[in-house]
Amino acid sequence: MRLDKFLKVSRLIKRRSVAKDACEGGRVRVNGQPAKPGKDVVPGDHLEITYGNRVLEVRVLETPHHVRAKCAPTLYEVIREDYQTPEDDLFAW
């Protein structure tokens, strides 16, 4: 399944067009590598998604093409969720 579609189906990102923009902007990584929206995602892949000051790392469990909203969280397992404060960025240089 395409990465942008998986992000939408799993409800990690609300809309597919937003998922596409996030991939093209370098805010989504698959197995440690920046990924394009058309990258194939398979169970076992690790995704790292950056939302502003939040970083979410998940492992893909399933890739169905359609799923009900209440079942969407069963498609992935959260590995790590971090929040960065603005002070963290000051000392990153």
N, C-alpha and C. Protein backbone atom coordinates (compact mmCIF):
# COMPACT_ATOMS: atom_id res chain seq x y z
N MET A 1 0.85 -1.17 0.00
CA MET A 1 0.00 0.00 0.00
C MET A 1 0.90 1.24 0.00
N ARG A 2 0.46 2.26 -0.70
CA ARG A 2 1.20 3.52 -0.75
C ARG A 2 1.27 4.16 0.64
N LEU A 3 2.37 4.82 0.92
CA LEU A 3 2.58 5.45 2.22
C LEU A 3 1.52 6.50 2.51
N ASP A 4 1.22 7.37 1.55
CA ASP A 4 0.24 8.43 1.81
C ASP A 4 -1.14 7.84 2.10
N LYS A 5 -1.50 6.76 1.42
CA LYS A 5 -2.79 6.12 1.67
C LYS A 5 -2.80 5.45 3.04
N PHE A 6 -1.70 4.79 3.43
CA PHE A 6 -1.65 4.17 4.76
C PHE A 6 -1.80 5.21 5.86
N LEU A 7 -1.15 6.34 5.72
CA LEU A 7 -1.25 7.40 6.73
C LEU A 7 -2.69 7.88 6.87
N LYS A 8 -3.42 7.93 5.77
CA LYS A 8 -4.82 8.35 5.82
C LYS A 8 -5.71 7.25 6.39
N VAL A 9 -5.56 6.01 5.90
CA VAL A 9 -6.40 4.90 6.35
C VAL A 9 -6.20 4.65 7.85
N SER A 10 -4.97 4.78 8.33
CA SER A 10 -4.68 4.53 9.74
C SER A 10 -5.03 5.74 10.62
N ARG A 11 -5.43 6.83 9.98
CA ARG A 11 -5.79 8.07 10.68
C ARG A 11 -4.61 8.69 11.42
N LEU A 12 -3.38 8.37 11.00
CA LEU A 12 -2.21 9.05 11.56
C LEU A 12 -2.17 10.48 11.03
N ILE A 13 -2.65 10.66 9.80
CA ILE A 13 -2.82 11.99 9.21
C ILE A 13 -4.23 12.01 8.62
N LYS A 14 -4.92 13.11 8.83
CA LYS A 14 -6.34 13.17 8.52
C LYS A 14 -6.69 13.04 7.04
N ARG A 15 -5.93 13.71 6.17
CA ARG A 15 -6.25 13.70 4.75
C ARG A 15 -5.06 13.21 3.94
N ARG A 16 -5.36 12.56 2.82
CA ARG A 16 -4.30 12.02 1.98
C ARG A 16 -3.45 13.13 1.37
N SER A 17 -4.06 14.24 1.02
CA SER A 17 -3.29 15.35 0.45
C SER A 17 -2.32 15.93 1.48
N VAL A 18 -2.73 15.96 2.75
CA VAL A 18 -1.85 16.43 3.82
C VAL A 18 -0.72 15.42 4.02
N ALA A 19 -1.04 14.12 3.93
CA ALA A 19 -0.03 13.07 4.06
C ALA A 19 0.99 13.19 2.93
N LYS A 20 0.51 13.48 1.72
CA LYS A 20 1.40 13.65 0.57
C LYS A 20 2.34 14.83 0.80
N ASP A 21 1.79 15.94 1.28
CA ASP A 21 2.62 17.12 1.55
C ASP A 21 3.64 16.85 2.64
N ALA A 22 3.26 16.10 3.67
CA ALA A 22 4.19 15.77 4.75
C ALA A 22 5.34 14.91 4.22
N CYS A 23 5.05 13.96 3.35
CA CYS A 23 6.09 13.12 2.77
C CYS A 23 7.03 13.94 1.90
N GLU A 24 6.46 14.78 1.06
CA GLU A 24 7.27 15.60 0.17
C GLU A 24 8.09 16.63 0.95
N GLY A 25 7.62 17.01 2.14
CA GLY A 25 8.34 17.97 2.97
C GLY A 25 9.39 17.33 3.85
N GLY A 26 9.58 16.02 3.75
CA GLY A 26 10.61 15.34 4.52
C GLY A 26 10.24 15.07 5.97
N ARG A 27 8.95 15.14 6.30
CA ARG A 27 8.52 14.94 7.68
C ARG A 27 8.12 13.50 7.97
N VAL A 28 8.24 12.60 6.97
CA VAL A 28 7.91 11.19 7.17
C VAL A 28 9.11 10.35 6.72
N ARG A 29 9.52 9.44 7.59
CA ARG A 29 10.64 8.53 7.29
C ARG A 29 10.14 7.09 7.42
N VAL A 30 10.59 6.24 6.51
CA VAL A 30 10.26 4.82 6.56
C VAL A 30 11.57 4.06 6.75
N ASN A 31 11.66 3.31 7.83
CA ASN A 31 12.86 2.55 8.16
C ASN A 31 14.10 3.44 8.17
N GLY A 32 13.94 4.67 8.68
CA GLY A 32 15.07 5.58 8.83
C GLY A 32 15.41 6.40 7.61
N GLN A 33 14.71 6.20 6.50
CA GLN A 33 14.99 6.92 5.26
C GLN A 33 13.83 7.84 4.91
N PRO A 34 14.11 9.07 4.43
CA PRO A 34 13.01 9.93 3.96
C PRO A 34 12.24 9.21 2.86
N ALA A 35 10.91 9.35 2.90
CA ALA A 35 10.09 8.58 1.97
C ALA A 35 9.18 9.47 1.15
N LYS A 36 8.98 9.08 -0.10
CA LYS A 36 8.04 9.75 -0.99
C LYS A 36 6.65 9.18 -0.75
N PRO A 37 5.60 9.90 -1.16
CA PRO A 37 4.22 9.43 -0.93
C PRO A 37 3.91 8.08 -1.56
N GLY A 38 4.57 7.72 -2.65
CA GLY A 38 4.28 6.48 -3.35
C GLY A 38 5.04 5.27 -2.84
N LYS A 39 5.85 5.44 -1.82
CA LYS A 39 6.63 4.33 -1.25
C LYS A 39 5.69 3.25 -0.74
N ASP A 40 6.01 1.99 -1.07
CA ASP A 40 5.19 0.87 -0.59
C ASP A 40 5.48 0.62 0.88
N VAL A 41 4.41 0.47 1.67
CA VAL A 41 4.52 0.18 3.10
C VAL A 41 4.03 -1.24 3.31
N VAL A 42 4.80 -2.01 4.06
CA VAL A 42 4.43 -3.39 4.36
C VAL A 42 4.46 -3.60 5.87
N PRO A 43 3.75 -4.59 6.38
CA PRO A 43 3.80 -4.86 7.82
C PRO A 43 5.25 -5.08 8.27
N GLY A 44 5.59 -4.48 9.40
CA GLY A 44 6.94 -4.56 9.93
C GLY A 44 7.75 -3.30 9.71
N ASP A 45 7.32 -2.44 8.78
CA ASP A 45 8.03 -1.18 8.54
C ASP A 45 7.90 -0.26 9.74
N HIS A 46 8.93 0.55 9.96
CA HIS A 46 8.92 1.56 11.02
C HIS A 46 8.73 2.92 10.38
N LEU A 47 7.74 3.67 10.84
CA LEU A 47 7.48 5.01 10.33
C LEU A 47 7.80 6.03 11.42
N GLU A 48 8.42 7.12 11.03
CA GLU A 48 8.67 8.23 11.94
C GLU A 48 8.04 9.47 11.32
N ILE A 49 7.07 10.04 12.03
CA ILE A 49 6.30 11.17 11.52
C ILE A 49 6.53 12.36 12.43
N THR A 50 6.87 13.51 11.84
CA THR A 50 7.09 14.73 12.61
C THR A 50 5.91 15.66 12.38
N TYR A 51 5.22 16.01 13.48
CA TYR A 51 4.11 16.96 13.44
C TYR A 51 4.54 18.17 14.25
N GLY A 52 5.05 19.19 13.64
CA GLY A 52 5.47 20.37 14.39
C GLY A 52 6.52 20.03 15.43
N ASN A 53 6.17 20.09 16.71
CA ASN A 53 7.12 19.78 17.77
C ASN A 53 6.94 18.36 18.32
N ARG A 54 6.14 17.53 17.66
CA ARG A 54 5.87 16.16 18.10
C ARG A 54 6.46 15.17 17.11
N VAL A 55 7.12 14.14 17.63
CA VAL A 55 7.66 13.07 16.78
C VAL A 55 7.01 11.76 17.21
N LEU A 56 6.41 11.07 16.26
CA LEU A 56 5.72 9.81 16.53
C LEU A 56 6.39 8.72 15.71
N GLU A 57 6.80 7.65 16.38
CA GLU A 57 7.39 6.50 15.70
C GLU A 57 6.46 5.31 15.91
N VAL A 58 6.07 4.67 14.81
CA VAL A 58 5.16 3.53 14.87
C VAL A 58 5.69 2.38 14.03
N ARG A 59 5.21 1.18 14.34
CA ARG A 59 5.50 -0.02 13.54
C ARG A 59 4.21 -0.44 12.87
N VAL A 60 4.26 -0.66 11.57
CA VAL A 60 3.09 -1.05 10.78
C VAL A 60 2.75 -2.51 11.09
N LEU A 61 1.49 -2.77 11.44
CA LEU A 61 1.03 -4.14 11.72
C LEU A 61 0.23 -4.73 10.57
N GLU A 62 -0.62 -3.90 9.95
CA GLU A 62 -1.47 -4.35 8.84
C GLU A 62 -1.59 -3.23 7.82
N THR A 63 -1.94 -3.60 6.57
CA THR A 63 -2.13 -2.59 5.54
C THR A 63 -3.41 -2.84 4.72
N PRO A 64 -4.59 -2.86 5.36
CA PRO A 64 -5.83 -3.02 4.59
C PRO A 64 -6.17 -1.71 3.87
N HIS A 65 -6.93 -1.83 2.80
CA HIS A 65 -7.26 -0.63 2.02
C HIS A 65 -8.40 0.18 2.62
N HIS A 66 -9.23 -0.44 3.44
CA HIS A 66 -10.32 0.26 4.11
C HIS A 66 -10.44 -0.28 5.53
N VAL A 67 -10.77 0.60 6.47
CA VAL A 67 -10.97 0.17 7.84
C VAL A 67 -11.87 1.20 8.53
N ARG A 68 -12.67 0.76 9.46
CA ARG A 68 -13.52 1.68 10.22
C ARG A 68 -12.66 2.52 11.14
N ALA A 69 -13.13 3.71 11.46
CA ALA A 69 -12.36 4.65 12.27
C ALA A 69 -11.96 4.06 13.62
N LYS A 70 -12.86 3.34 14.26
CA LYS A 70 -12.55 2.80 15.59
C LYS A 70 -11.51 1.69 15.53
N CYS A 71 -11.31 1.07 14.36
CA CYS A 71 -10.31 0.01 14.21
C CYS A 71 -8.97 0.52 13.68
N ALA A 72 -8.90 1.79 13.31
CA ALA A 72 -7.67 2.35 12.73
C ALA A 72 -6.45 2.19 13.63
N PRO A 73 -6.55 2.38 14.95
CA PRO A 73 -5.35 2.22 15.80
C PRO A 73 -4.78 0.80 15.84
N THR A 74 -5.54 -0.18 15.34
CA THR A 74 -5.02 -1.56 15.33
C THR A 74 -4.07 -1.80 14.16
N LEU A 75 -3.93 -0.83 13.27
CA LEU A 75 -3.06 -0.99 12.10
C LEU A 75 -1.60 -0.73 12.41
N TYR A 76 -1.33 -0.12 13.57
CA TYR A 76 0.04 0.23 13.92
C TYR A 76 0.24 0.11 15.43
N GLU A 77 1.51 0.05 15.82
CA GLU A 77 1.89 0.00 17.22
C GLU A 77 2.80 1.20 17.49
N VAL A 78 2.46 2.00 18.49
CA VAL A 78 3.29 3.16 18.82
C VAL A 78 4.55 2.68 19.53
N ILE A 79 5.69 3.07 19.00
CA ILE A 79 6.97 2.71 19.58
C ILE A 79 7.48 3.84 20.46
N ARG A 80 7.35 5.07 19.95
CA ARG A 80 7.88 6.22 20.68
C ARG A 80 7.08 7.46 20.30
N GLU A 81 6.87 8.32 21.29
CA GLU A 81 6.21 9.60 21.04
C GLU A 81 6.92 10.65 21.88
N ASP A 82 7.55 11.60 21.22
CA ASP A 82 8.32 12.64 21.89
C ASP A 82 7.78 14.01 21.54
N TYR A 83 7.95 14.92 22.47
CA TYR A 83 7.61 16.32 22.25
C TYR A 83 8.87 17.14 22.47
N GLN A 84 9.14 18.06 21.56
CA GLN A 84 10.27 18.96 21.72
C GLN A 84 9.76 20.31 22.16
N THR A 85 10.46 20.92 23.10
CA THR A 85 10.13 22.26 23.52
C THR A 85 10.99 23.24 22.70
N PRO A 86 10.59 24.48 22.59
CA PRO A 86 11.40 25.44 21.84
C PRO A 86 12.83 25.56 22.40
N GLU A 87 13.03 25.33 23.70
CA GLU A 87 14.37 25.41 24.28
C GLU A 87 15.28 24.32 23.72
N ASP A 88 14.71 23.15 23.37
CA ASP A 88 15.51 22.07 22.81
C ASP A 88 16.16 22.49 21.50
N ASP A 89 15.44 23.30 20.71
CA ASP A 89 15.96 23.76 19.43
C ASP A 89 17.07 24.79 19.57
N LEU A 90 17.09 25.53 20.67
CA LEU A 90 18.10 26.56 20.86
C LEU A 90 19.50 25.98 20.96
N PHE A 91 19.62 24.80 21.53
CA PHE A 91 20.92 24.22 21.76
C PHE A 91 21.26 23.13 20.75
N ALA A 92 20.51 23.04 19.66
CA ALA A 92 20.72 21.99 18.66
C ALA A 92 21.89 22.30 17.74
N TRP A 93 22.40 23.50 17.75
CA TRP A 93 23.50 23.84 16.85
C TRP A 93 24.77 23.33 17.37
